[in-house]
Amino acid sequence: MTSTGAASDTSAPQLTWLREGTSLLLDSLAGLPDEALADATNLPGWTRAHVVAHVAANGEALGRLLRWGATGVESAMYDSGEQRAAEIDKGARLDAPTLRTWATASASTLEAQVVDFPPERWAAKVVTARGRTVPVSQVLWLRTREVAVHAIDLCAGVEFRDLPHDLCRALVGDIAAHRSGGTGPSLVLTAPDATSRWVIKGVGAPRYVELPVADLAAWLSGREVLPDFPQLSAWL
């Protein structure tokens, strides 16, 4: 699909990442037989159907933020945390064809909203589900991390190594900021394939960890358990 100059000029390379992540997710979903959607994932209490329902609902929720940014009329992602959870549980009980259609339609509608977004409105402020006030342009990153990480959560063969290197580096930075100041371990992260250094303020003396960027993203997001490294809770 050809985009207008607005989205690409404002958000590159995130628009490319968004499209690549969406393709990974939808291609992985298409490769799974219907009965496999009931299988458990590494996310506690979630089947593959829960992951798909979450991503589909997330696309619609972020679409509401785009409408807010475009029009100035407040439109929250979700009415409440309870409504969000109920929507995911309900979606996970849909029959497989309906669930697949929902995921595809949600992604397609969000793509169209991004492409048609008025360029002069990208700096407009909206509020995320976690209560953060951000420019609406951040919706592209919020969606990118959802589709990229949850494509991996489908357990259909996609790994962090399949994501663009710079996207993995951005994920590490985002997760490090999220975990900093929490009750987890204090960490100093470096990667032989990146010049960045990430510091996570936490409990205890700093633990120095060096891994390739993709492996850092996998471990830091709680998707991979590594011997001799602290086990981290799932992020996102």
Protein backbone atom coordinates (compact mmCIF):
# COMPACT_ATOMS: atom_id res chain seq x y z
CA MET A 1 0.00 0.00 0.00
CA THR A 2 1.29 3.47 -0.83
CA SER A 3 1.19 5.90 2.06
CA THR A 4 0.79 9.65 2.00
CA GLY A 5 3.82 11.70 2.89
CA ALA A 6 2.39 12.57 6.30
CA ALA A 7 2.78 9.29 8.12
CA SER A 8 6.09 8.34 6.57
CA ASP A 9 7.63 11.80 7.01
CA THR A 10 6.51 12.03 10.63
CA SER A 11 7.15 8.50 11.84
CA ALA A 12 9.79 6.76 9.71
CA PRO A 13 11.04 4.12 10.25
CA GLN A 14 8.17 3.22 12.55
CA LEU A 15 5.65 2.95 9.73
CA THR A 16 7.90 0.38 8.06
CA TRP A 17 8.30 -1.48 11.34
CA LEU A 18 4.55 -1.41 11.87
CA ARG A 19 3.89 -2.96 8.49
CA GLU A 20 6.61 -5.58 8.87
CA GLY A 21 5.36 -6.55 12.33
CA THR A 22 1.77 -6.73 11.15
CA SER A 23 2.76 -8.98 8.25
CA LEU A 24 4.71 -11.26 10.59
CA LEU A 25 1.73 -11.58 12.90
CA LEU A 26 -0.90 -12.14 10.23
CA ASP A 27 1.31 -14.54 8.26
CA SER A 28 1.99 -16.54 11.44
CA LEU A 29 -1.71 -16.61 12.21
CA ALA A 30 -2.54 -17.76 8.68
CA GLY A 31 -0.08 -20.63 9.02
CA LEU A 32 -1.76 -22.04 12.12
CA PRO A 33 -4.57 -24.59 11.80
CA ASP A 34 -7.83 -23.61 13.47
CA GLU A 35 -7.49 -26.15 16.26
CA ALA A 36 -4.06 -24.79 17.21
CA LEU A 37 -5.60 -21.48 18.31
CA ALA A 38 -6.79 -23.23 21.48
CA ASP A 39 -3.23 -24.18 22.47
CA ALA A 40 -1.56 -22.51 25.44
CA THR A 41 1.17 -19.90 24.98
CA ASN A 42 4.00 -18.79 27.25
CA LEU A 43 1.76 -16.01 28.56
CA PRO A 44 0.06 -17.23 31.76
CA GLY A 45 -3.59 -18.14 31.19
CA TRP A 46 -3.58 -17.16 27.52
CA THR A 47 -4.11 -19.39 24.53
CA ARG A 48 -3.17 -18.37 21.01
CA ALA A 49 -6.78 -17.24 20.62
CA HIS A 50 -6.32 -14.85 23.55
CA VAL A 51 -3.23 -13.38 21.87
CA VAL A 52 -5.09 -12.90 18.59
CA ALA A 53 -8.12 -11.37 20.32
CA HIS A 54 -5.88 -9.02 22.27
CA VAL A 55 -4.10 -7.83 19.12
CA ALA A 56 -7.40 -7.37 17.27
CA ALA A 57 -8.91 -5.39 20.14
CA ASN A 58 -5.71 -3.37 20.48
CA GLY A 59 -5.92 -2.31 16.83
CA GLU A 60 -9.42 -0.97 17.41
CA ALA A 61 -8.37 0.73 20.67
CA LEU A 62 -5.43 2.48 19.02
CA GLY A 63 -7.76 3.46 16.20
CA ARG A 64 -9.80 5.32 18.80
CA LEU A 65 -6.68 7.25 19.78
CA LEU A 66 -6.10 8.14 16.14
CA ARG A 67 -9.66 9.49 15.90
CA TRP A 68 -9.04 11.49 19.06
CA GLY A 69 -5.85 12.93 17.62
CA ALA A 70 -7.43 13.70 14.26
CA THR A 71 -10.59 15.33 15.56
CA GLY A 72 -9.70 16.61 19.02
CA VAL A 73 -12.72 14.75 20.43
CA GLU A 74 -11.66 12.55 23.34
CA SER A 75 -11.93 8.82 22.63
CA ALA A 76 -10.33 6.52 25.20
CA MET A 77 -8.68 3.25 24.23
CA TYR A 78 -10.85 1.33 26.70
CA ASP A 79 -13.62 2.24 29.12
CA SER A 80 -11.76 0.38 31.87
CA GLY A 81 -9.28 -2.40 32.51
CA GLU A 82 -12.20 -4.70 33.18
CA GLN A 83 -13.76 -3.90 29.81
CA ARG A 84 -10.44 -4.59 28.08
CA ALA A 85 -10.06 -7.98 29.79
CA ALA A 86 -13.68 -8.94 29.05
CA GLU A 87 -13.23 -8.04 25.38
CA ILE A 88 -10.18 -10.30 25.12
CA ASP A 89 -11.90 -13.21 26.88
CA LYS A 90 -14.96 -12.86 24.67
CA GLY A 91 -12.82 -12.69 21.55
CA ALA A 92 -10.87 -15.78 22.54
CA ARG A 93 -14.11 -17.76 22.51
CA LEU A 94 -14.97 -16.80 18.93
CA ASP A 95 -14.81 -19.49 16.29
CA ALA A 96 -11.51 -19.50 14.43
CA PRO A 97 -12.71 -17.99 11.10
CA THR A 98 -14.43 -15.11 12.91
CA LEU A 99 -11.37 -14.46 15.06
CA ARG A 100 -9.08 -14.46 12.02
CA THR A 101 -11.38 -12.05 10.20
CA TRP A 102 -11.46 -9.72 13.20
CA ALA A 103 -7.65 -9.63 13.46
CA THR A 104 -7.21 -8.94 9.74
CA ALA A 105 -9.95 -6.31 9.57
CA SER A 106 -8.68 -4.53 12.67
CA ALA A 107 -5.16 -4.31 11.23
CA SER A 108 -6.42 -3.15 7.84
CA THR A 109 -8.63 -0.45 9.34
CA LEU A 110 -5.79 0.87 11.50
CA GLU A 111 -3.48 0.98 8.48
CA ALA A 112 -6.05 3.04 6.58
CA GLN A 113 -6.40 5.43 9.53
CA VAL A 114 -2.64 5.94 9.64
CA VAL A 115 -2.39 6.54 5.91
CA ASP A 116 -5.25 9.04 5.93
CA PHE A 117 -4.25 10.81 9.15
CA PRO A 118 -4.14 14.62 8.75
CA PRO A 119 -0.45 15.60 8.76
CA GLU A 120 -0.96 18.73 10.82
CA ARG A 121 -2.43 16.66 13.69
CA TRP A 122 0.44 14.22 14.42
CA ALA A 123 1.59 16.29 17.43
CA ALA A 124 -1.87 16.29 19.04
CA LYS A 125 -1.89 14.82 22.55
CA VAL A 126 -3.82 11.69 23.55
CA VAL A 127 -3.87 9.50 26.65
CA THR A 128 -2.88 5.83 26.52
CA ALA A 129 -4.55 2.99 28.41
CA ARG A 130 -1.80 3.33 31.04
CA GLY A 131 -2.63 6.99 31.58
CA ARG A 132 0.36 8.48 29.77
CA THR A 133 -0.15 11.65 27.73
CA VAL A 134 1.72 11.28 24.43
CA PRO A 135 1.67 12.73 20.91
CA VAL A 136 -0.71 10.73 18.75
CA SER A 137 2.25 9.87 16.50
CA GLN A 138 3.28 7.44 19.26
CA VAL A 139 0.40 5.20 18.20
CA LEU A 140 2.64 3.81 15.47
CA TRP A 141 5.21 2.64 18.01
CA LEU A 142 2.57 1.36 20.42
CA ARG A 143 1.09 -0.78 17.66
CA THR A 144 4.48 -1.86 16.32
CA ARG A 145 5.55 -3.37 19.61
CA GLU A 146 2.19 -5.12 20.01
CA VAL A 147 2.24 -6.86 16.63
CA ALA A 148 5.97 -7.64 16.71
CA VAL A 149 6.10 -9.13 20.19
CA HIS A 150 2.78 -10.94 19.94
CA ALA A 151 3.78 -12.45 16.60
CA ILE A 152 6.43 -14.21 18.69
CA ASP A 153 3.88 -15.11 21.37
CA LEU A 154 1.88 -17.09 18.80
CA CYS A 155 4.68 -19.70 19.02
CA ALA A 156 4.49 -20.27 15.27
CA GLY A 157 8.19 -19.98 14.49
CA VAL A 158 8.78 -16.21 14.67
CA GLU A 159 11.65 -15.17 16.95
CA PHE A 160 13.13 -11.85 18.00
CA ARG A 161 15.97 -12.56 15.56
CA ASP A 162 13.39 -12.26 12.77
CA LEU A 163 12.68 -8.63 13.68
CA PRO A 164 14.71 -5.74 12.24
CA HIS A 165 17.84 -5.09 14.28
CA ASP A 166 16.92 -1.46 14.99
CA LEU A 167 13.44 -2.52 16.08
CA CYS A 168 14.94 -4.93 18.61
CA ARG A 169 17.17 -2.13 19.86
CA ALA A 170 14.15 0.15 20.24
CA LEU A 171 12.30 -2.60 22.12
CA VAL A 172 15.22 -3.00 24.53
CA GLY A 173 15.21 0.73 25.19
CA ASP A 174 11.46 0.79 25.76
CA ILE A 175 11.47 -2.23 28.08
CA ALA A 176 14.48 -0.92 30.01
CA ALA A 177 12.69 2.37 30.64
CA HIS A 178 9.55 0.49 31.71
CA ARG A 179 11.41 -1.75 34.14
CA SER A 180 13.63 0.98 35.61
CA GLY A 181 12.68 2.02 39.11
CA GLY A 182 10.69 -1.15 39.75
CA THR A 183 11.18 -4.07 42.10
CA GLY A 184 13.22 -6.12 39.64
CA PRO A 185 17.00 -6.47 39.57
CA SER A 186 19.34 -3.58 38.87
CA LEU A 187 20.87 -4.14 35.42
CA VAL A 188 23.39 -2.63 33.05
CA LEU A 189 22.84 -3.90 29.52
CA THR A 190 25.16 -3.85 26.53
CA ALA A 191 25.19 -5.64 23.19
CA PRO A 192 28.14 -6.53 20.94
CA ASP A 193 26.05 -5.58 17.90
CA ALA A 194 24.94 -2.16 19.19
CA THR A 195 26.60 0.95 20.56
CA SER A 196 23.81 1.60 23.06
CA ARG A 197 24.02 1.01 26.80
CA TRP A 198 20.92 0.67 28.95
CA VAL A 199 20.73 1.10 32.72
CA ILE A 200 17.80 -0.31 34.68
CA LYS A 201 17.51 0.97 38.24
CA GLY A 202 16.29 -1.79 40.50
CA VAL A 203 17.05 -3.87 43.56
CA GLY A 204 20.59 -4.76 44.60
CA ALA A 205 23.97 -4.16 43.07
CA PRO A 206 23.94 -3.75 39.27
CA ARG A 207 24.21 -6.94 37.26
CA TYR A 208 26.09 -6.49 33.99
CA VAL A 209 24.57 -8.32 31.05
CA GLU A 210 25.92 -8.45 27.50
CA LEU A 211 23.93 -10.21 24.80
CA PRO A 212 23.14 -9.62 21.12
CA VAL A 213 20.31 -7.11 20.78
CA ALA A 214 17.73 -9.70 19.69
CA ASP A 215 18.61 -11.93 22.65
CA LEU A 216 18.42 -8.94 25.00
CA ALA A 217 14.93 -8.16 23.70
CA ALA A 218 13.82 -11.78 24.14
CA TRP A 219 15.14 -12.04 27.70
CA LEU A 220 14.22 -8.53 28.84
CA SER A 221 10.65 -8.93 27.61
CA GLY A 222 10.28 -12.09 29.69
CA ARG A 223 9.88 -14.29 26.62
CA GLU A 224 13.05 -16.29 27.12
CA VAL A 225 14.62 -17.79 30.24
CA LEU A 226 18.42 -17.88 30.14
CA PRO A 227 20.63 -19.97 32.44
CA ASP A 228 22.39 -17.92 35.13
CA PHE A 229 20.31 -14.83 34.37
CA PRO A 230 17.45 -13.43 36.50
CA GLN A 231 14.02 -14.62 35.32
CA LEU A 232 11.91 -11.62 34.38
CA SER A 233 8.15 -11.28 34.26
CA ALA A 234 6.44 -10.88 30.90
CA TRP A 235 6.33 -7.32 29.56
CA LEU A 236 3.46 -6.10 27.34
